[in-house]
All heavy atoms as atom14 arrays in JSON, in Angstrom:
{
  "sequence": "LSIQPDPRELDMLAATGEQASSALLAMALAAQGVPARSYAGWQVPVK",
  "atom14_mask": [
    [1, 1, 1, 1, 1, 1, 1, 1, 0, 0, 0, 0, 0, 0],
    [1, 1, 1, 1, 1, 1, 0, 0, 0, 0, 0, 0, 0, 0],
    [1, 1, 1, 1, 1, 1, 1, 1, 0, 0, 0, 0, 0, 0],
    [1, 1, 1, 1, 1, 1, 1, 1, 1, 0, 0, 0, 0, 0],
    [1, 1, 1, 1, 1, 1, 1, 0, 0, 0, 0, 0, 0, 0],
    [1, 1, 1, 1, 1, 1, 1, 1, 0, 0, 0, 0, 0, 0],
    [1, 1, 1, 1, 1, 1, 1, 0, 0, 0, 0, 0, 0, 0],
    [1, 1, 1, 1, 1, 1, 1, 1, 1, 1, 1, 0, 0, 0],
    [1, 1, 1, 1, 1, 1, 1, 1, 1, 0, 0, 0, 0, 0],
    [1, 1, 1, 1, 1, 1, 1, 1, 0, 0, 0, 0, 0, 0],
    [1, 1, 1, 1, 1, 1, 1, 1, 0, 0, 0, 0, 0, 0],
    [1, 1, 1, 1, 1, 1, 1, 1, 0, 0, 0, 0, 0, 0],
    [1, 1, 1, 1, 1, 1, 1, 1, 0, 0, 0, 0, 0, 0],
    [1, 1, 1, 1, 1, 0, 0, 0, 0, 0, 0, 0, 0, 0],
    [1, 1, 1, 1, 1, 0, 0, 0, 0, 0, 0, 0, 0, 0],
    [1, 1, 1, 1, 1, 1, 1, 0, 0, 0, 0, 0, 0, 0],
    [1, 1, 1, 1, 0, 0, 0, 0, 0, 0, 0, 0, 0, 0],
    [1, 1, 1, 1, 1, 1, 1, 1, 1, 0, 0, 0, 0, 0],
    [1, 1, 1, 1, 1, 1, 1, 1, 1, 0, 0, 0, 0, 0],
    [1, 1, 1, 1, 1, 0, 0, 0, 0, 0, 0, 0, 0, 0],
    [1, 1, 1, 1, 1, 1, 0, 0, 0, 0, 0, 0, 0, 0],
    [1, 1, 1, 1, 1, 1, 0, 0, 0, 0, 0, 0, 0, 0],
    [1, 1, 1, 1, 1, 0, 0, 0, 0, 0, 0, 0, 0, 0],
    [1, 1, 1, 1, 1, 1, 1, 1, 0, 0, 0, 0, 0, 0],
    [1, 1, 1, 1, 1, 1, 1, 1, 0, 0, 0, 0, 0, 0],
    [1, 1, 1, 1, 1, 0, 0, 0, 0, 0, 0, 0, 0, 0],
    [1, 1, 1, 1, 1, 1, 1, 1, 0, 0, 0, 0, 0, 0],
    [1, 1, 1, 1, 1, 0, 0, 0, 0, 0, 0, 0, 0, 0],
    [1, 1, 1, 1, 1, 1, 1, 1, 0, 0, 0, 0, 0, 0],
    [1, 1, 1, 1, 1, 0, 0, 0, 0, 0, 0, 0, 0, 0],
    [1, 1, 1, 1, 1, 0, 0, 0, 0, 0, 0, 0, 0, 0],
    [1, 1, 1, 1, 1, 1, 1, 1, 1, 0, 0, 0, 0, 0],
    [1, 1, 1, 1, 0, 0, 0, 0, 0, 0, 0, 0, 0, 0],
    [1, 1, 1, 1, 1, 1, 1, 0, 0, 0, 0, 0, 0, 0],
    [1, 1, 1, 1, 1, 1, 1, 0, 0, 0, 0, 0, 0, 0],
    [1, 1, 1, 1, 1, 0, 0, 0, 0, 0, 0, 0, 0, 0],
    [1, 1, 1, 1, 1, 1, 1, 1, 1, 1, 1, 0, 0, 0],
    [1, 1, 1, 1, 1, 1, 0, 0, 0, 0, 0, 0, 0, 0],
    [1, 1, 1, 1, 1, 1, 1, 1, 1, 1, 1, 1, 0, 0],
    [1, 1, 1, 1, 1, 0, 0, 0, 0, 0, 0, 0, 0, 0],
    [1, 1, 1, 1, 0, 0, 0, 0, 0, 0, 0, 0, 0, 0],
    [1, 1, 1, 1, 1, 1, 1, 1, 1, 1, 1, 1, 1, 1],
    [1, 1, 1, 1, 1, 1, 1, 1, 1, 0, 0, 0, 0, 0],
    [1, 1, 1, 1, 1, 1, 1, 0, 0, 0, 0, 0, 0, 0],
    [1, 1, 1, 1, 1, 1, 1, 0, 0, 0, 0, 0, 0, 0],
    [1, 1, 1, 1, 1, 1, 1, 0, 0, 0, 0, 0, 0, 0],
    [1, 1, 1, 1, 1, 1, 1, 1, 1, 0, 0, 0, 0, 0]
  ],
  "atom14_positions": [
    [[0.83, -1.19, 0.02], [0.05, 0.05, 0.06], [0.81, 1.24, -0.02], [0.37, 2.28, -0.53], [-0.9, 0.02, 1.26], [-2.01, -1.08, 1.34], [-2.68, -1.09, 2.67], [-3.09, -0.82, 0.22], [0.0, 0.0, 0.0], [0.0, 0.0, 0.0], [0.0, 0.0, 0.0], [0.0, 0.0, 0.0], [0.0, 0.0, 0.0], [0.0, 0.0, 0.0]],
    [[2.02, 1.18, 0.66], [2.81, 2.43, 0.73], [4.29, 1.99, 0.79], [4.67, 1.03, 1.58], [2.42, 3.2, 2.0], [3.32, 4.2, 2.3], [0.0, 0.0, 0.0], [0.0, 0.0, 0.0], [0.0, 0.0, 0.0], [0.0, 0.0, 0.0], [0.0, 0.0, 0.0], [0.0, 0.0, 0.0], [0.0, 0.0, 0.0], [0.0, 0.0, 0.0]],
    [[5.23, 2.8, 0.17], [6.65, 2.48, 0.25], [7.19, 2.76, 1.68], [7.93, 2.09, 2.25], [7.47, 3.36, -0.73], [7.0, 2.98, -2.14], [8.98, 3.13, -0.51], [7.64, 3.84, -3.23], [0.0, 0.0, 0.0], [0.0, 0.0, 0.0], [0.0, 0.0, 0.0], [0.0, 0.0, 0.0], [0.0, 0.0, 0.0], [0.0, 0.0, 0.0]],
    [[6.64, 3.86, 2.32], [6.95, 4.22, 3.61], [5.71, 4.36, 4.57], [5.2, 5.51, 4.68], [7.83, 5.42, 3.72], [9.23, 5.28, 3.31], [10.18, 6.48, 3.71], [9.83, 7.56, 3.3], [11.24, 6.23, 4.41], [0.0, 0.0, 0.0], [0.0, 0.0, 0.0], [0.0, 0.0, 0.0], [0.0, 0.0, 0.0], [0.0, 0.0, 0.0]],
    [[5.13, 3.27, 5.03], [3.87, 3.44, 5.84], [4.13, 4.13, 7.07], [5.25, 4.15, 7.64], [3.59, 2.0, 6.11], [4.39, 1.09, 5.24], [5.59, 1.9, 4.88], [0.0, 0.0, 0.0], [0.0, 0.0, 0.0], [0.0, 0.0, 0.0], [0.0, 0.0, 0.0], [0.0, 0.0, 0.0], [0.0, 0.0, 0.0], [0.0, 0.0, 0.0]],
    [[3.09, 4.81, 7.61], [3.11, 5.5, 8.83], [3.57, 4.54, 9.98], [2.83, 3.51, 10.2], [1.72, 6.13, 9.16], [1.6, 6.89, 10.46], [2.58, 6.67, 11.32], [0.7, 7.69, 10.66], [0.0, 0.0, 0.0], [0.0, 0.0, 0.0], [0.0, 0.0, 0.0], [0.0, 0.0, 0.0], [0.0, 0.0, 0.0], [0.0, 0.0, 0.0]],
    [[4.65, 4.8, 10.75], [5.14, 3.93, 11.73], [4.09, 3.48, 12.82], [3.97, 2.42, 13.28], [6.32, 4.63, 12.43], [6.78, 5.61, 11.31], [5.46, 5.99, 10.62], [0.0, 0.0, 0.0], [0.0, 0.0, 0.0], [0.0, 0.0, 0.0], [0.0, 0.0, 0.0], [0.0, 0.0, 0.0], [0.0, 0.0, 0.0], [0.0, 0.0, 0.0]],
    [[3.18, 4.49, 13.13], [2.18, 4.19, 14.16], [1.17, 3.09, 13.68], [0.83, 2.28, 14.34], [1.39, 5.5, 14.5], [0.29, 5.22, 15.54], [-0.65, 6.39, 15.63], [-1.8, 6.17, 16.64], [-2.85, 5.42, 16.45], [-3.06, 4.88, 15.24], [-3.71, 5.27, 17.36], [0.0, 0.0, 0.0], [0.0, 0.0, 0.0], [0.0, 0.0, 0.0]],
    [[0.87, 3.22, 12.38], [-0.09, 2.33, 11.78], [0.52, 0.9, 11.59], [-0.09, -0.04, 11.67], [-0.65, 2.85, 10.43], [-1.38, 4.15, 10.62], [-2.47, 4.11, 11.69], [-3.13, 3.05, 11.89], [-2.64, 5.24, 12.41], [0.0, 0.0, 0.0], [0.0, 0.0, 0.0], [0.0, 0.0, 0.0], [0.0, 0.0, 0.0], [0.0, 0.0, 0.0]],
    [[1.88, 0.97, 11.3], [2.58, -0.3, 11.24], [2.55, -0.99, 12.46], [2.35, -2.29, 12.54], [4.07, -0.01, 10.8], [4.43, 0.09, 9.33], [5.97, 0.31, 9.15], [4.11, -1.24, 8.58], [0.0, 0.0, 0.0], [0.0, 0.0, 0.0], [0.0, 0.0, 0.0], [0.0, 0.0, 0.0], [0.0, 0.0, 0.0], [0.0, 0.0, 0.0]],
    [[2.67, -0.29, 13.6], [2.68, -0.96, 14.92], [1.33, -1.5, 15.22], [1.22, -2.64, 15.79], [3.11, 0.01, 16.04], [4.62, 0.11, 16.13], [5.28, -0.57, 15.32], [5.08, 0.84, 17.05], [0.0, 0.0, 0.0], [0.0, 0.0, 0.0], [0.0, 0.0, 0.0], [0.0, 0.0, 0.0], [0.0, 0.0, 0.0], [0.0, 0.0, 0.0]],
    [[0.23, -0.78, 14.88], [-1.16, -1.24, 15.04], [-1.31, -2.58, 14.36], [-1.95, -3.47, 14.77], [-2.07, -0.18, 14.43], [-2.37, 0.98, 15.36], [-3.44, 0.41, 16.81], [-5.02, 0.15, 15.94], [0.0, 0.0, 0.0], [0.0, 0.0, 0.0], [0.0, 0.0, 0.0], [0.0, 0.0, 0.0], [0.0, 0.0, 0.0], [0.0, 0.0, 0.0]],
    [[-0.74, -2.61, 13.06], [-0.85, -3.84, 12.26], [-0.11, -5.05, 12.76], [-0.58, -6.13, 12.99], [-0.48, -3.43, 10.84], [-0.49, -4.59, 9.78], [-1.91, -5.09, 9.53], [0.23, -4.13, 8.5], [0.0, 0.0, 0.0], [0.0, 0.0, 0.0], [0.0, 0.0, 0.0], [0.0, 0.0, 0.0], [0.0, 0.0, 0.0], [0.0, 0.0, 0.0]],
    [[1.24, -4.76, 13.07], [2.11, -5.83, 13.38], [1.73, -6.43, 14.81], [1.98, -7.66, 14.99], [3.54, -5.27, 13.48], [0.0, 0.0, 0.0], [0.0, 0.0, 0.0], [0.0, 0.0, 0.0], [0.0, 0.0, 0.0], [0.0, 0.0, 0.0], [0.0, 0.0, 0.0], [0.0, 0.0, 0.0], [0.0, 0.0, 0.0], [0.0, 0.0, 0.0]],
    [[1.18, -5.62, 15.73], [0.82, -6.14, 16.97], [-0.26, -7.17, 16.92], [-0.43, -8.01, 17.92], [0.37, -4.96, 17.87], [0.0, 0.0, 0.0], [0.0, 0.0, 0.0], [0.0, 0.0, 0.0], [0.0, 0.0, 0.0], [0.0, 0.0, 0.0], [0.0, 0.0, 0.0], [0.0, 0.0, 0.0], [0.0, 0.0, 0.0], [0.0, 0.0, 0.0]],
    [[-1.06, -7.26, 15.83], [-2.14, -8.29, 15.75], [-1.58, -9.69, 15.69], [-2.32, -10.57, 16.09], [-3.02, -7.96, 14.6], [-2.24, -8.09, 13.35], [-3.69, -6.59, 14.74], [0.0, 0.0, 0.0], [0.0, 0.0, 0.0], [0.0, 0.0, 0.0], [0.0, 0.0, 0.0], [0.0, 0.0, 0.0], [0.0, 0.0, 0.0], [0.0, 0.0, 0.0]],
    [[-0.34, -9.84, 15.19], [0.19, -11.26, 15.07], [0.33, -11.84, 16.44], [-0.03, -13.06, 16.64], [0.0, 0.0, 0.0], [0.0, 0.0, 0.0], [0.0, 0.0, 0.0], [0.0, 0.0, 0.0], [0.0, 0.0, 0.0], [0.0, 0.0, 0.0], [0.0, 0.0, 0.0], [0.0, 0.0, 0.0], [0.0, 0.0, 0.0], [0.0, 0.0, 0.0]],
    [[0.91, -11.13, 17.41], [1.12, -11.68, 18.71], [-0.21, -11.81, 19.46], [-0.43, -12.77, 20.31], [2.05, -10.86, 19.56], [3.57, -11.13, 19.36], [4.05, -10.57, 18.03], [3.32, -9.81, 17.31], [5.16, -11.1, 17.58], [0.0, 0.0, 0.0], [0.0, 0.0, 0.0], [0.0, 0.0, 0.0], [0.0, 0.0, 0.0], [0.0, 0.0, 0.0]],
    [[-1.14, -10.96, 19.19], [-2.43, -11.08, 19.84], [-3.22, -12.37, 19.41], [-3.74, -12.97, 20.3], [-3.3, -9.83, 19.46], [-4.49, -9.61, 20.3], [-5.18, -8.31, 20.08], [-4.48, -7.29, 19.88], [-6.53, -8.27, 20.1], [0.0, 0.0, 0.0], [0.0, 0.0, 0.0], [0.0, 0.0, 0.0], [0.0, 0.0, 0.0], [0.0, 0.0, 0.0]],
    [[-3.04, -12.68, 18.13], [-3.66, -13.9, 17.74], [-3.02, -15.16, 18.36], [-3.73, -16.04, 18.83], [-3.57, -13.96, 16.14], [0.0, 0.0, 0.0], [0.0, 0.0, 0.0], [0.0, 0.0, 0.0], [0.0, 0.0, 0.0], [0.0, 0.0, 0.0], [0.0, 0.0, 0.0], [0.0, 0.0, 0.0], [0.0, 0.0, 0.0], [0.0, 0.0, 0.0]],
    [[-1.72, -15.19, 18.34], [-1.05, -16.43, 18.87], [-1.23, -16.57, 20.32], [-1.37, -17.63, 20.88], [0.45, -16.34, 18.54], [1.1, -15.26, 19.24], [0.0, 0.0, 0.0], [0.0, 0.0, 0.0], [0.0, 0.0, 0.0], [0.0, 0.0, 0.0], [0.0, 0.0, 0.0], [0.0, 0.0, 0.0], [0.0, 0.0, 0.0], [0.0, 0.0, 0.0]],
    [[-1.34, -15.44, 21.06], [-1.69, -15.43, 22.54], [-3.03, -16.0, 22.89], [-3.17, -16.83, 23.74], [-1.5, -14.04, 23.15], [-0.16, -13.64, 23.08], [0.0, 0.0, 0.0], [0.0, 0.0, 0.0], [0.0, 0.0, 0.0], [0.0, 0.0, 0.0], [0.0, 0.0, 0.0], [0.0, 0.0, 0.0], [0.0, 0.0, 0.0], [0.0, 0.0, 0.0]],
    [[-4.03, -15.5, 22.06], [-5.38, -16.04, 22.32], [-5.46, -17.58, 21.9], [-6.18, -18.29, 22.64], [-6.38, -15.14, 21.4], [0.0, 0.0, 0.0], [0.0, 0.0, 0.0], [0.0, 0.0, 0.0], [0.0, 0.0, 0.0], [0.0, 0.0, 0.0], [0.0, 0.0, 0.0], [0.0, 0.0, 0.0], [0.0, 0.0, 0.0], [0.0, 0.0, 0.0]],
    [[-4.85, -17.95, 20.87], [-4.84, -19.37, 20.46], [-4.21, -20.22, 21.56], [-4.7, -21.32, 21.84], [-4.21, -19.5, 19.18], [-4.9, -18.96, 17.87], [-3.97, -18.95, 16.65], [-6.07, -19.8, 17.6], [0.0, 0.0, 0.0], [0.0, 0.0, 0.0], [0.0, 0.0, 0.0], [0.0, 0.0, 0.0], [0.0, 0.0, 0.0], [0.0, 0.0, 0.0]],
    [[-3.07, -19.75, 22.11], [-2.43, -20.49, 23.19], [-3.31, -20.66, 24.4], [-3.45, -21.69, 24.99], [-1.06, -19.9, 23.53], [-0.27, -20.62, 24.61], [-0.12, -22.16, 24.22], [1.12, -19.93, 24.72], [0.0, 0.0, 0.0], [0.0, 0.0, 0.0], [0.0, 0.0, 0.0], [0.0, 0.0, 0.0], [0.0, 0.0, 0.0], [0.0, 0.0, 0.0]],
    [[-4.04, -19.53, 24.74], [-4.9, -19.55, 25.89], [-5.96, -20.58, 25.72], [-6.41, -21.31, 26.62], [-5.41, -18.2, 26.26], [0.0, 0.0, 0.0], [0.0, 0.0, 0.0], [0.0, 0.0, 0.0], [0.0, 0.0, 0.0], [0.0, 0.0, 0.0], [0.0, 0.0, 0.0], [0.0, 0.0, 0.0], [0.0, 0.0, 0.0], [0.0, 0.0, 0.0]],
    [[-6.57, -20.59, 24.37], [-7.58, -21.55, 24.08], [-7.02, -23.05, 24.16], [-7.77, -24.0, 24.66], [-8.11, -21.36, 22.64], [-8.84, -20.02, 22.47], [-9.28, -19.77, 20.72], [-9.64, -18.05, 20.76], [0.0, 0.0, 0.0], [0.0, 0.0, 0.0], [0.0, 0.0, 0.0], [0.0, 0.0, 0.0], [0.0, 0.0, 0.0], [0.0, 0.0, 0.0]],
    [[-5.8, -23.26, 23.64], [-5.28, -24.52, 23.71], [-4.96, -25.05, 25.15], [-5.26, -26.18, 25.42], [-3.87, -24.56, 22.96], [0.0, 0.0, 0.0], [0.0, 0.0, 0.0], [0.0, 0.0, 0.0], [0.0, 0.0, 0.0], [0.0, 0.0, 0.0], [0.0, 0.0, 0.0], [0.0, 0.0, 0.0], [0.0, 0.0, 0.0], [0.0, 0.0, 0.0]],
    [[-4.63, -24.12, 25.94], [-4.46, -24.46, 27.41], [-5.76, -24.81, 28.06], [-5.93, -25.82, 28.78], [-3.82, -23.3, 28.14], [-2.33, -23.16, 27.93], [-1.84, -21.71, 28.32], [-1.46, -24.2, 28.71], [0.0, 0.0, 0.0], [0.0, 0.0, 0.0], [0.0, 0.0, 0.0], [0.0, 0.0, 0.0], [0.0, 0.0, 0.0], [0.0, 0.0, 0.0]],
    [[-6.76, -24.09, 27.75], [-8.13, -24.3, 28.34], [-8.67, -25.65, 27.83], [-9.33, -26.42, 28.62], [-9.1, -23.19, 27.89], [0.0, 0.0, 0.0], [0.0, 0.0, 0.0], [0.0, 0.0, 0.0], [0.0, 0.0, 0.0], [0.0, 0.0, 0.0], [0.0, 0.0, 0.0], [0.0, 0.0, 0.0], [0.0, 0.0, 0.0], [0.0, 0.0, 0.0]],
    [[-8.33, -26.06, 26.63], [-8.76, -27.28, 26.07], [-8.15, -28.46, 26.75], [-8.68, -29.6, 26.74], [-8.37, -27.35, 24.57], [0.0, 0.0, 0.0], [0.0, 0.0, 0.0], [0.0, 0.0, 0.0], [0.0, 0.0, 0.0], [0.0, 0.0, 0.0], [0.0, 0.0, 0.0], [0.0, 0.0, 0.0], [0.0, 0.0, 0.0], [0.0, 0.0, 0.0]],
    [[-6.98, -28.3, 27.41], [-6.3, -29.29, 28.18], [-6.63, -29.16, 29.71], [-5.94, -29.86, 30.55], [-4.79, -29.14, 28.0], [-4.42, -29.21, 26.55], [-2.98, -29.74, 26.39], [-2.46, -30.36, 27.25], [-2.54, -29.59, 25.19], [0.0, 0.0, 0.0], [0.0, 0.0, 0.0], [0.0, 0.0, 0.0], [0.0, 0.0, 0.0], [0.0, 0.0, 0.0]],
    [[-7.69, -28.44, 29.98], [-8.11, -28.29, 31.37], [-7.29, -27.3, 32.31], [-7.39, -27.37, 33.45], [0.0, 0.0, 0.0], [0.0, 0.0, 0.0], [0.0, 0.0, 0.0], [0.0, 0.0, 0.0], [0.0, 0.0, 0.0], [0.0, 0.0, 0.0], [0.0, 0.0, 0.0], [0.0, 0.0, 0.0], [0.0, 0.0, 0.0], [0.0, 0.0, 0.0]],
    [[-6.43, -26.48, 31.59], [-5.55, -25.6, 32.34], [-6.25, -24.16, 32.22], [-6.3, -23.6, 31.14], [-4.19, -25.5, 31.81], [-3.32, -24.52, 32.6], [-3.53, -26.85, 31.89], [0.0, 0.0, 0.0], [0.0, 0.0, 0.0], [0.0, 0.0, 0.0], [0.0, 0.0, 0.0], [0.0, 0.0, 0.0], [0.0, 0.0, 0.0], [0.0, 0.0, 0.0]],
    [[-6.66, -23.63, 33.36], [-7.31, -22.22, 33.25], [-6.23, -21.16, 32.81], [-5.11, -21.21, 33.34], [-7.76, -21.92, 34.65], [-6.97, -22.91, 35.58], [-6.68, -24.09, 34.75], [0.0, 0.0, 0.0], [0.0, 0.0, 0.0], [0.0, 0.0, 0.0], [0.0, 0.0, 0.0], [0.0, 0.0, 0.0], [0.0, 0.0, 0.0], [0.0, 0.0, 0.0]],
    [[-6.57, -20.48, 31.83], [-5.55, -19.49, 31.2], [-6.28, -18.24, 30.78], [-7.47, -18.19, 30.42], [-4.84, -20.12, 30.06], [0.0, 0.0, 0.0], [0.0, 0.0, 0.0], [0.0, 0.0, 0.0], [0.0, 0.0, 0.0], [0.0, 0.0, 0.0], [0.0, 0.0, 0.0], [0.0, 0.0, 0.0], [0.0, 0.0, 0.0], [0.0, 0.0, 0.0]],
    [[-5.5, -17.12, 30.78], [-6.07, -15.82, 30.31], [-4.97, -15.15, 29.54], [-3.76, -15.06, 30.04], [-6.52, -15.02, 31.52], [-7.08, -13.66, 31.15], [-7.89, -13.01, 32.31], [-9.12, -13.7, 32.51], [-9.83, -13.52, 33.59], [-9.61, -12.6, 34.43], [-11.04, -14.2, 33.71], [0.0, 0.0, 0.0], [0.0, 0.0, 0.0], [0.0, 0.0, 0.0]],
    [[-5.31, -14.58, 28.42], [-4.33, -13.73, 27.62], [-4.51, -12.36, 27.68], [-5.67, -11.88, 27.91], [-4.47, -14.27, 26.11], [-5.63, -13.82, 25.56], [0.0, 0.0, 0.0], [0.0, 0.0, 0.0], [0.0, 0.0, 0.0], [0.0, 0.0, 0.0], [0.0, 0.0, 0.0], [0.0, 0.0, 0.0], [0.0, 0.0, 0.0], [0.0, 0.0, 0.0]],
    [[-3.44, -11.58, 27.69], [-3.5, -10.16, 27.66], [-2.58, -9.59, 26.56], [-1.49, -10.1, 26.25], [-2.98, -9.57, 28.98], [-3.8, -9.85, 30.25], [-3.48, -10.85, 31.12], [-4.97, -9.11, 30.37], [-4.3, -11.09, 32.18], [-5.79, -9.36, 31.46], [-5.47, -10.35, 32.41], [-6.24, -10.59, 33.51], [0.0, 0.0, 0.0], [0.0, 0.0, 0.0]],
    [[-3.08, -8.58, 25.89], [-2.33, -7.78, 25.02], [-1.45, -6.88, 25.83], [-1.75, -6.61, 27.01], [-3.08, -6.92, 24.05], [0.0, 0.0, 0.0], [0.0, 0.0, 0.0], [0.0, 0.0, 0.0], [0.0, 0.0, 0.0], [0.0, 0.0, 0.0], [0.0, 0.0, 0.0], [0.0, 0.0, 0.0], [0.0, 0.0, 0.0], [0.0, 0.0, 0.0]],
    [[-0.34, -6.37, 25.25], [0.62, -5.51, 25.99], [-0.09, -4.3, 26.62], [0.23, -3.96, 27.75], [0.0, 0.0, 0.0], [0.0, 0.0, 0.0], [0.0, 0.0, 0.0], [0.0, 0.0, 0.0], [0.0, 0.0, 0.0], [0.0, 0.0, 0.0], [0.0, 0.0, 0.0], [0.0, 0.0, 0.0], [0.0, 0.0, 0.0], [0.0, 0.0, 0.0]],
    [[-1.01, -3.74, 25.88], [-1.67, -2.45, 26.38], [-2.61, -2.74, 27.57], [-2.92, -1.94, 28.34], [-2.4, -1.78, 25.3], [-3.55, -2.52, 24.67], [-3.44, -3.32, 23.55], [-4.94, -2.57, 25.11], [-4.75, -3.89, 23.23], [-5.64, -3.45, 24.2], [-5.63, -1.98, 26.09], [-6.97, -3.69, 24.34], [-7.06, -2.22, 26.27], [-7.65, -3.09, 25.34]],
    [[-3.02, -4.09, 27.65], [-3.96, -4.44, 28.76], [-3.23, -4.69, 30.02], [-3.84, -4.61, 31.12], [-4.82, -5.68, 28.34], [-5.75, -5.49, 27.2], [-6.37, -6.8, 26.77], [-5.68, -7.73, 26.46], [-7.71, -6.86, 26.8], [0.0, 0.0, 0.0], [0.0, 0.0, 0.0], [0.0, 0.0, 0.0], [0.0, 0.0, 0.0], [0.0, 0.0, 0.0]],
    [[-1.93, -5.02, 30.07], [-1.24, -5.39, 31.24], [-1.16, -4.19, 32.15], [-1.5, -4.42, 33.37], [0.16, -6.0, 30.88], [1.01, -6.19, 32.16], [0.05, -7.32, 30.12], [0.0, 0.0, 0.0], [0.0, 0.0, 0.0], [0.0, 0.0, 0.0], [0.0, 0.0, 0.0], [0.0, 0.0, 0.0], [0.0, 0.0, 0.0], [0.0, 0.0, 0.0]],
    [[-0.65, -2.97, 31.88], [-0.05, -2.55, 30.7], [1.46, -2.65, 30.73], [2.04, -2.48, 31.76], [-0.55, -1.11, 30.52], [-0.62, -0.67, 31.92], [-0.98, -1.87, 32.78], [0.0, 0.0, 0.0], [0.0, 0.0, 0.0], [0.0, 0.0, 0.0], [0.0, 0.0, 0.0], [0.0, 0.0, 0.0], [0.0, 0.0, 0.0], [0.0, 0.0, 0.0]],
    [[2.06, -2.88, 29.51], [3.47, -2.75, 29.37], [3.71, -1.39, 28.78], [3.39, -1.11, 27.65], [4.0, -3.82, 28.34], [5.53, -3.58, 28.09], [3.76, -5.26, 28.83], [0.0, 0.0, 0.0], [0.0, 0.0, 0.0], [0.0, 0.0, 0.0], [0.0, 0.0, 0.0], [0.0, 0.0, 0.0], [0.0, 0.0, 0.0], [0.0, 0.0, 0.0]],
    [[4.21, -0.45, 29.64], [4.47, 1.0, 29.19], [5.77, 1.09, 28.42], [6.64, 0.55, 28.81], [4.48, 1.89, 30.38], [3.2, 1.9, 31.26], [2.11, 2.76, 30.61], [0.84, 2.82, 31.42], [1.09, 3.55, 32.84], [0.0, 0.0, 0.0], [0.0, 0.0, 0.0], [0.0, 0.0, 0.0], [0.0, 0.0, 0.0], [0.0, 0.0, 0.0]]
  ]
}
């Protein structure tokens, strides 16, 4: 879409990768009977 994308929007986009894998891992743990909860960095928060 752009040779030099806005860095803020790049971060918004790139952060979704870890959010997806974290949620999937929490689901996988729950499926094995282990209570789990996932958090994105902003929810912790990691400042």
